[in-house]
Amino acid sequence: MSVHFDQNLYELKQRLITMASKAATAVDRAIQALVERDDDLARQVIAGDTELDDLEVAIYELGIQLLSKAPLAGDLRLITVAMKFGQNLERVGDEATTIARRAIELGQEPQLKPYVDIPRMARLALDMLHEALEAFIRHEPARALDIIPRDKQVDALNKQLHRELASFMIERPDTITRCLNLMVISKALERVADHAKNLAEEVVYLYEGRDVRHKLKPAPPNDLAEPAPPAGT
């Protein structure tokens, strides 16, 4: 029974790694579809969301099955964290779908202006996601801790972009639909970063047994990874 349990635990980890890769790829491709105005790629992202949904269900069901075997404390934490990972990654996939749908709508009208902040937000959020997964795989809670404050960088860019787009809508009412779609995309990327932060917090809990949610001080407002670029989306 111990061998069977270990095999199932290994399978749980592998499904999780697969799901994380697919979720990150979905976001990346959705942004590519936006920037390149590629409706076919956007539709592929939307169609692929079902696979992420199925993986979340599979991870949850396998987790429940493993929990029923009364695992030791360390394995118990791993199983519960894996189930939370699955939930967060499924929501990352949902955000990718949202971006893809809005990209299709934006493709029907002239581009408002060159995209600057949105690809930058995507890069920051996806870097957080990749780092959280690496911290999980490599048993590196300190690395996970370093990820958490970086969420504030994405929050700041989201607020900056919303202010700029609000000004656009006031000055040029004909841009309202495009601006609203870009606001939704910006908010979706901010949520991707939130989910990456959640994953990092779970990694700390998994390997150190402590809950750091709501307990870390936010980074200073000017603690951006790069100087602010010229105004743009």
C-alpha atoms as a PDB file:
ATOM      1  CA  MET A   1       0.000   0.000   0.000  1.00  0.00           C
ATOM      2  CA  SER A   2       2.931   2.368   0.763  1.00  0.00           C
ATOM      3  CA  VAL A   3       4.347   1.834  -2.733  1.00  0.00           C
ATOM      4  CA  HIS A   4       0.942   2.507  -4.279  1.00  0.00           C
ATOM      5  CA  PHE A   5       0.557   5.669  -2.165  1.00  0.00           C
ATOM      6  CA  ASP A   6       3.978   6.940  -3.250  1.00  0.00           C
ATOM      7  CA  GLN A   7       3.136   6.276  -6.896  1.00  0.00           C
ATOM      8  CA  ASN A   8      -0.095   8.237  -6.594  1.00  0.00           C
ATOM      9  CA  LEU A   9       1.716  11.073  -4.834  1.00  0.00           C
ATOM     10  CA  TYR A  10       4.246  11.206  -7.669  1.00  0.00           C
ATOM     11  CA  GLU A  11       1.393  11.251 -10.193  1.00  0.00           C
ATOM     12  CA  LEU A  12      -0.210  14.152  -8.292  1.00  0.00           C
ATOM     13  CA  LYS A  13       3.010  16.173  -8.564  1.00  0.00           C
ATOM     14  CA  GLN A  14       3.364  15.416 -12.267  1.00  0.00           C
ATOM     15  CA  ARG A  15      -0.188  16.466 -13.025  1.00  0.00           C
ATOM     16  CA  LEU A  16       0.433  19.667 -11.130  1.00  0.00           C
ATOM     17  CA  ILE A  17       3.592  20.450 -13.087  1.00  0.00           C
ATOM     18  CA  THR A  18       1.783  19.725 -16.357  1.00  0.00           C
ATOM     19  CA  MET A  19      -1.105  21.975 -15.379  1.00  0.00           C
ATOM     20  CA  ALA A  20       1.215  24.832 -14.372  1.00  0.00           C
ATOM     21  CA  SER A  21       3.002  24.654 -17.715  1.00  0.00           C
ATOM     22  CA  LYS A  22      -0.269  24.672 -19.658  1.00  0.00           C
ATOM     23  CA  ALA A  23      -1.689  27.574 -17.624  1.00  0.00           C
ATOM     24  CA  ALA A  24       1.415  29.705 -18.168  1.00  0.00           C
ATOM     25  CA  THR A  25       1.429  28.861 -21.880  1.00  0.00           C
ATOM     26  CA  ALA A  26      -2.228  29.867 -22.163  1.00  0.00           C
ATOM     27  CA  VAL A  27      -1.524  33.326 -20.731  1.00  0.00           C
ATOM     28  CA  ASP A  28       1.537  33.775 -22.915  1.00  0.00           C
ATOM     29  CA  ARG A  29      -0.360  32.778 -26.057  1.00  0.00           C
ATOM     30  CA  ALA A  30      -3.326  34.995 -25.176  1.00  0.00           C
ATOM     31  CA  ILE A  31      -1.003  38.006 -24.936  1.00  0.00           C
ATOM     32  CA  GLN A  32       0.660  36.980 -28.194  1.00  0.00           C
ATOM     33  CA  ALA A  33      -2.774  36.811 -29.820  1.00  0.00           C
ATOM     34  CA  LEU A  34      -3.511  40.327 -28.558  1.00  0.00           C
ATOM     35  CA  VAL A  35      -0.241  41.869 -29.713  1.00  0.00           C
ATOM     36  CA  GLU A  36      -0.219  40.104 -33.095  1.00  0.00           C
ATOM     37  CA  ARG A  37      -4.003  40.452 -33.593  1.00  0.00           C
ATOM     38  CA  ASP A  38      -4.195  36.714 -34.190  1.00  0.00           C
ATOM     39  CA  ASP A  39      -7.817  35.611 -33.739  1.00  0.00           C
ATOM     40  CA  ASP A  40      -7.075  31.969 -34.537  1.00  0.00           C
ATOM     41  CA  LEU A  41      -4.511  31.801 -31.742  1.00  0.00           C
ATOM     42  CA  ALA A  42      -6.952  33.447 -29.358  1.00  0.00           C
ATOM     43  CA  ARG A  43      -9.580  30.827 -30.206  1.00  0.00           C
ATOM     44  CA  GLN A  44      -7.050  28.061 -29.534  1.00  0.00           C
ATOM     45  CA  VAL A  45      -6.476  29.501 -26.056  1.00  0.00           C
ATOM     46  CA  ILE A  46     -10.212  29.552 -25.393  1.00  0.00           C
ATOM     47  CA  ALA A  47     -10.643  25.965 -26.619  1.00  0.00           C
ATOM     48  CA  GLY A  48      -7.745  24.785 -24.460  1.00  0.00           C
ATOM     49  CA  ASP A  49      -9.363  25.952 -21.223  1.00  0.00           C
ATOM     50  CA  THR A  50     -11.329  22.703 -21.002  1.00  0.00           C
ATOM     51  CA  GLU A  51      -8.079  20.767 -20.603  1.00  0.00           C
ATOM     52  CA  LEU A  52      -7.130  22.885 -17.589  1.00  0.00           C
ATOM     53  CA  ASP A  53     -10.565  22.354 -16.089  1.00  0.00           C
ATOM     54  CA  ASP A  54     -10.158  18.600 -16.497  1.00  0.00           C
ATOM     55  CA  LEU A  55      -6.706  18.669 -14.897  1.00  0.00           C
ATOM     56  CA  GLU A  56      -8.030  20.555 -11.891  1.00  0.00           C
ATOM     57  CA  VAL A  57     -10.760  17.945 -11.411  1.00  0.00           C
ATOM     58  CA  ALA A  58      -8.230  15.112 -11.764  1.00  0.00           C
ATOM     59  CA  ILE A  59      -5.879  16.700  -9.212  1.00  0.00           C
ATOM     60  CA  TYR A  60      -8.737  17.292  -6.784  1.00  0.00           C
ATOM     61  CA  GLU A  61     -10.055  13.736  -7.079  1.00  0.00           C
ATOM     62  CA  LEU A  62      -6.603  12.206  -6.675  1.00  0.00           C
ATOM     63  CA  GLY A  63      -5.980  14.463  -3.697  1.00  0.00           C
ATOM     64  CA  ILE A  64      -9.183  13.335  -2.004  1.00  0.00           C
ATOM     65  CA  GLN A  65      -8.243   9.719  -2.681  1.00  0.00           C
ATOM     66  CA  LEU A  66      -4.818  10.243  -1.081  1.00  0.00           C
ATOM     67  CA  LEU A  67      -6.266  12.083   1.920  1.00  0.00           C
ATOM     68  CA  SER A  68      -8.480   9.075   2.656  1.00  0.00           C
ATOM     69  CA  LYS A  69      -5.330   7.044   3.332  1.00  0.00           C
ATOM     70  CA  ALA A  70      -4.471   9.117   6.427  1.00  0.00           C
ATOM     71  CA  PRO A  71      -1.051  10.325   5.276  1.00  0.00           C
ATOM     72  CA  LEU A  72       1.720  11.601   7.535  1.00  0.00           C
ATOM     73  CA  ALA A  73       1.864  15.335   8.292  1.00  0.00           C
ATOM     74  CA  GLY A  74       4.382  16.134   5.528  1.00  0.00           C
ATOM     75  CA  ASP A  75       2.421  14.276   2.879  1.00  0.00           C
ATOM     76  CA  LEU A  76      -0.806  15.798   4.154  1.00  0.00           C
ATOM     77  CA  ARG A  77       0.562  19.297   3.581  1.00  0.00           C
ATOM     78  CA  LEU A  78       1.736  18.334   0.094  1.00  0.00           C
ATOM     79  CA  ILE A  79      -1.664  16.947  -0.871  1.00  0.00           C
ATOM     80  CA  THR A  80      -3.621  19.951   0.403  1.00  0.00           C
ATOM     81  CA  VAL A  81      -1.170  22.376  -1.206  1.00  0.00           C
ATOM     82  CA  ALA A  82      -1.426  20.484  -4.503  1.00  0.00           C
ATOM     83  CA  MET A  83      -5.206  20.832  -4.426  1.00  0.00           C
ATOM     84  CA  LYS A  84      -4.895  24.582  -3.800  1.00  0.00           C
ATOM     85  CA  PHE A  85      -2.353  24.811  -6.608  1.00  0.00           C
ATOM     86  CA  GLY A  86      -4.860  23.189  -8.931  1.00  0.00           C
ATOM     87  CA  GLN A  87      -7.559  25.705  -8.008  1.00  0.00           C
ATOM     88  CA  ASN A  88      -5.265  28.676  -8.582  1.00  0.00           C
ATOM     89  CA  LEU A  89      -3.941  27.341 -11.872  1.00  0.00           C
ATOM     90  CA  GLU A  90      -7.459  26.701 -13.153  1.00  0.00           C
ATOM     91  CA  ARG A  91      -8.231  30.358 -12.453  1.00  0.00           C
ATOM     92  CA  VAL A  92      -5.075  31.407 -14.285  1.00  0.00           C
ATOM     93  CA  GLY A  93      -6.486  29.510 -17.263  1.00  0.00           C
ATOM     94  CA  ASP A  94      -9.765  31.396 -16.874  1.00  0.00           C
ATOM     95  CA  GLU A  95      -7.884  34.697 -16.985  1.00  0.00           C
ATOM     96  CA  ALA A  96      -6.086  33.573 -20.147  1.00  0.00           C
ATOM     97  CA  THR A  97      -9.483  32.846 -21.702  1.00  0.00           C
ATOM     98  CA  THR A  98     -10.710  36.304 -20.710  1.00  0.00           C
ATOM     99  CA  ILE A  99      -7.666  37.913 -22.334  1.00  0.00           C
ATOM    100  CA  ALA A 100      -8.151  35.849 -25.506  1.00  0.00           C
ATOM    101  CA  ARG A 101     -11.825  36.815 -25.798  1.00  0.00           C
ATOM    102  CA  ARG A 102     -11.025  40.492 -25.367  1.00  0.00           C
ATOM    103  CA  ALA A 103      -8.186  40.181 -27.882  1.00  0.00           C
ATOM    104  CA  ILE A 104     -10.687  38.974 -30.486  1.00  0.00           C
ATOM    105  CA  GLU A 105     -12.935  41.954 -29.771  1.00  0.00           C
ATOM    106  CA  LEU A 106     -10.007  44.370 -29.978  1.00  0.00           C
ATOM    107  CA  GLY A 107      -8.995  42.841 -33.297  1.00  0.00           C
ATOM    108  CA  GLN A 108     -12.209  44.132 -34.845  1.00  0.00           C
ATOM    109  CA  GLU A 109     -11.150  47.779 -34.390  1.00  0.00           C
ATOM    110  CA  PRO A 110      -7.989  49.804 -35.101  1.00  0.00           C
ATOM    111  CA  GLN A 111      -5.346  49.387 -32.402  1.00  0.00           C
ATOM    112  CA  LEU A 112      -5.553  52.177 -29.853  1.00  0.00           C
ATOM    113  CA  LYS A 113      -1.762  52.591 -29.534  1.00  0.00           C
ATOM    114  CA  PRO A 114       1.340  50.392 -29.286  1.00  0.00           C
ATOM    115  CA  TYR A 115       1.205  47.916 -26.415  1.00  0.00           C
ATOM    116  CA  VAL A 116       3.810  48.614 -23.733  1.00  0.00           C
ATOM    117  CA  ASP A 117       2.450  48.086 -20.222  1.00  0.00           C
ATOM    118  CA  ILE A 118       0.310  45.025 -20.954  1.00  0.00           C
ATOM    119  CA  PRO A 119       3.209  42.871 -22.265  1.00  0.00           C
ATOM    120  CA  ARG A 120       5.309  44.119 -19.352  1.00  0.00           C
ATOM    121  CA  MET A 121       2.610  43.101 -16.864  1.00  0.00           C
ATOM    122  CA  ALA A 122       2.342  39.709 -18.541  1.00  0.00           C
ATOM    123  CA  ARG A 123       6.101  39.190 -18.296  1.00  0.00           C
ATOM    124  CA  LEU A 124       6.136  40.074 -14.588  1.00  0.00           C
ATOM    125  CA  ALA A 125       3.127  37.868 -13.780  1.00  0.00           C
ATOM    126  CA  LEU A 126       4.444  34.897 -15.777  1.00  0.00           C
ATOM    127  CA  ASP A 127       7.882  35.242 -14.199  1.00  0.00           C
ATOM    128  CA  MET A 128       6.198  35.023 -10.791  1.00  0.00           C
ATOM    129  CA  LEU A 129       4.283  31.947 -11.906  1.00  0.00           C
ATOM    130  CA  HIS A 130       7.399  30.195 -13.222  1.00  0.00           C
ATOM    131  CA  GLU A 131       9.382  31.070 -10.090  1.00  0.00           C
ATOM    132  CA  ALA A 132       6.630  29.740  -7.815  1.00  0.00           C
ATOM    133  CA  LEU A 133       6.608  26.445  -9.699  1.00  0.00           C
ATOM    134  CA  GLU A 134      10.405  26.206  -9.546  1.00  0.00           C
ATOM    135  CA  ALA A 135      10.323  26.918  -5.806  1.00  0.00           C
ATOM    136  CA  PHE A 136       7.808  24.093  -5.421  1.00  0.00           C
ATOM    137  CA  ILE A 137       9.811  21.619  -7.502  1.00  0.00           C
ATOM    138  CA  ARG A 138      13.168  22.474  -5.925  1.00  0.00           C
ATOM    139  CA  HIS A 139      11.956  22.744  -2.305  1.00  0.00           C
ATOM    140  CA  GLU A 140      12.994  26.415  -2.012  1.00  0.00           C
ATOM    141  CA  PRO A 141      10.714  28.331   0.379  1.00  0.00           C
ATOM    142  CA  ALA A 142      13.140  31.285   0.518  1.00  0.00           C
ATOM    143  CA  ARG A 143      12.777  31.646  -3.247  1.00  0.00           C
ATOM    144  CA  ALA A 144       8.998  31.578  -2.841  1.00  0.00           C
ATOM    145  CA  LEU A 145       9.162  34.309  -0.188  1.00  0.00           C
ATOM    146  CA  ASP A 146      11.008  36.573  -2.619  1.00  0.00           C
ATOM    147  CA  ILE A 147       8.144  36.236  -5.118  1.00  0.00           C
ATOM    148  CA  ILE A 148       5.382  37.519  -2.852  1.00  0.00           C
ATOM    149  CA  PRO A 149       6.232  41.272  -2.754  1.00  0.00           C
ATOM    150  CA  ARG A 150       6.571  41.354  -6.548  1.00  0.00           C
ATOM    151  CA  ASP A 151       2.778  41.259  -6.812  1.00  0.00           C
ATOM    152  CA  LYS A 152       2.824  44.963  -5.912  1.00  0.00           C
ATOM    153  CA  GLN A 153       4.685  45.764  -9.136  1.00  0.00           C
ATOM    154  CA  VAL A 154       1.850  44.323 -11.194  1.00  0.00           C
ATOM    155  CA  ASP A 155      -0.755  46.075  -9.026  1.00  0.00           C
ATOM    156  CA  ALA A 156       0.992  49.408  -9.641  1.00  0.00           C
ATOM    157  CA  LEU A 157       1.096  48.890 -13.404  1.00  0.00           C
ATOM    158  CA  ASN A 158      -2.575  47.898 -13.434  1.00  0.00           C
ATOM    159  CA  LYS A 159      -3.567  51.102 -11.590  1.00  0.00           C
ATOM    160  CA  GLN A 160      -1.355  53.225 -13.849  1.00  0.00           C
ATOM    161  CA  LEU A 161      -2.874  51.734 -16.972  1.00  0.00           C
ATOM    162  CA  HIS A 162      -6.423  52.173 -15.694  1.00  0.00           C
ATOM    163  CA  ARG A 163      -5.739  55.868 -15.048  1.00  0.00           C
ATOM    164  CA  GLU A 164      -4.352  56.345 -18.558  1.00  0.00           C
ATOM    165  CA  LEU A 165      -7.268  54.538 -20.188  1.00  0.00           C
ATOM    166  CA  ALA A 166      -9.803  56.504 -18.134  1.00  0.00           C
ATOM    167  CA  SER A 167      -8.232  59.708 -19.466  1.00  0.00           C
ATOM    168  CA  PHE A 168      -8.461  58.342 -23.006  1.00  0.00           C
ATOM    169  CA  MET A 169     -12.172  57.646 -22.609  1.00  0.00           C
ATOM    170  CA  ILE A 170     -12.835  61.178 -21.360  1.00  0.00           C
ATOM    171  CA  GLU A 171     -10.823  62.842 -24.113  1.00  0.00           C
ATOM    172  CA  ARG A 172     -11.914  60.499 -26.929  1.00  0.00           C
ATOM    173  CA  PRO A 173     -15.315  58.875 -26.349  1.00  0.00           C
ATOM    174  CA  ASP A 174     -14.904  56.824 -29.537  1.00  0.00           C
ATOM    175  CA  THR A 175     -12.219  54.768 -27.733  1.00  0.00           C
ATOM    176  CA  ILE A 176     -14.438  53.679 -24.837  1.00  0.00           C
ATOM    177  CA  THR A 177     -15.030  50.110 -26.040  1.00  0.00           C
ATOM    178  CA  ARG A 178     -11.341  49.526 -26.757  1.00  0.00           C
ATOM    179  CA  CYS A 179     -10.296  51.084 -23.448  1.00  0.00           C
ATOM    180  CA  LEU A 180     -12.731  48.937 -21.478  1.00  0.00           C
ATOM    181  CA  ASN A 181     -11.429  45.793 -23.170  1.00  0.00           C
ATOM    182  CA  LEU A 182      -7.859  46.778 -22.316  1.00  0.00           C
ATOM    183  CA  MET A 183      -8.877  47.458 -18.713  1.00  0.00           C
ATOM    184  CA  VAL A 184     -10.318  43.948 -18.486  1.00  0.00           C
ATOM    185  CA  ILE A 185      -7.084  42.473 -19.880  1.00  0.00           C
ATOM    186  CA  SER A 186      -4.993  44.506 -17.434  1.00  0.00           C
ATOM    187  CA  LYS A 187      -7.133  43.326 -14.526  1.00  0.00           C
ATOM    188  CA  ALA A 188      -6.845  39.719 -15.729  1.00  0.00           C
ATOM    189  CA  LEU A 189      -3.048  39.975 -15.634  1.00  0.00           C
ATOM    190  CA  GLU A 190      -3.192  41.500 -12.163  1.00  0.00           C
ATOM    191  CA  ARG A 191      -5.206  38.446 -11.082  1.00  0.00           C
ATOM    192  CA  VAL A 192      -2.660  36.090 -12.667  1.00  0.00           C
ATOM    193  CA  ALA A 193      -0.026  37.739 -10.465  1.00  0.00           C
ATOM    194  CA  ASP A 194      -2.342  37.315  -7.459  1.00  0.00           C
ATOM    195  CA  HIS A 195      -2.600  33.591  -8.171  1.00  0.00           C
ATOM    196  CA  ALA A 196       1.176  33.333  -8.560  1.00  0.00           C
ATOM    197  CA  LYS A 197       1.543  35.020  -5.166  1.00  0.00           C
ATOM    198  CA  ASN A 198      -0.932  32.522  -3.713  1.00  0.00           C
ATOM    199  CA  LEU A 199       1.180  29.658  -5.067  1.00  0.00           C
ATOM    200  CA  ALA A 200       4.327  31.146  -3.531  1.00  0.00           C
ATOM    201  CA  GLU A 201       2.601  31.416  -0.151  1.00  0.00           C
ATOM    202  CA  GLU A 202       1.557  27.781  -0.394  1.00  0.00           C
ATOM    203  CA  VAL A 203       5.153  26.750  -1.126  1.00  0.00           C
ATOM    204  CA  VAL A 204       6.288  28.459   2.084  1.00  0.00           C
ATOM    205  CA  TYR A 205       3.556  26.657   4.005  1.00  0.00           C
ATOM    206  CA  LEU A 206       4.467  23.331   2.425  1.00  0.00           C
ATOM    207  CA  TYR A 207       8.165  23.409   3.259  1.00  0.00           C
ATOM    208  CA  GLU A 208       8.243  25.527   6.432  1.00  0.00           C
ATOM    209  CA  GLY A 209       4.833  24.803   7.932  1.00  0.00           C
ATOM    210  CA  ARG A 210       4.014  28.485   8.421  1.00  0.00           C
ATOM    211  CA  ASP A 211       1.230  30.602   6.980  1.00  0.00           C
ATOM    212  CA  VAL A 212       2.556  33.891   5.581  1.00  0.00           C
ATOM    213  CA  ARG A 213      -0.678  35.121   4.040  1.00  0.00           C
ATOM    214  CA  HIS A 214      -1.437  38.765   4.917  1.00  0.00           C
ATOM    215  CA  LYS A 215       1.699  38.924   7.077  1.00  0.00           C
ATOM    216  CA  LEU A 216       4.380  40.335   4.775  1.00  0.00           C
ATOM    217  CA  LYS A 217       4.888  44.070   4.409  1.00  0.00           C
ATOM    218  CA  PRO A 218       4.251  45.372   0.894  1.00  0.00           C
ATOM    219  CA  ALA A 219       7.170  46.537  -1.190  1.00  0.00           C
ATOM    220  CA  PRO A 220       7.740  50.322  -1.335  1.00  0.00           C
ATOM    221  CA  PRO A 221       5.623  52.006  -4.053  1.00  0.00           C
ATOM    222  CA  ASN A 222       8.699  52.840  -6.142  1.00  0.00           C
ATOM    223  CA  ASP A 223      10.124  49.306  -5.964  1.00  0.00           C
ATOM    224  CA  LEU A 224       9.549  48.493  -9.633  1.00  0.00           C
ATOM    225  CA  ALA A 225      11.807  46.059 -11.460  1.00  0.00           C
ATOM    226  CA  GLU A 226      12.426  48.578 -14.230  1.00  0.00           C
ATOM    227  CA  PRO A 227      11.964  52.348 -14.688  1.00  0.00           C
ATOM    228  CA  ALA A 228       8.438  53.225 -15.728  1.00  0.00           C
ATOM    229  CA  PRO A 229       8.142  53.202 -19.534  1.00  0.00           C
ATOM    230  CA  PRO A 230       6.535  56.001 -21.552  1.00  0.00           C
ATOM    231  CA  ALA A 231       2.756  56.015 -21.292  1.00  0.00           C
ATOM    232  CA  GLY A 232       1.236  53.231 -23.297  1.00  0.00           C
ATOM    233  CA  THR A 233      -0.801  50.044 -23.157  1.00  0.00           C
END
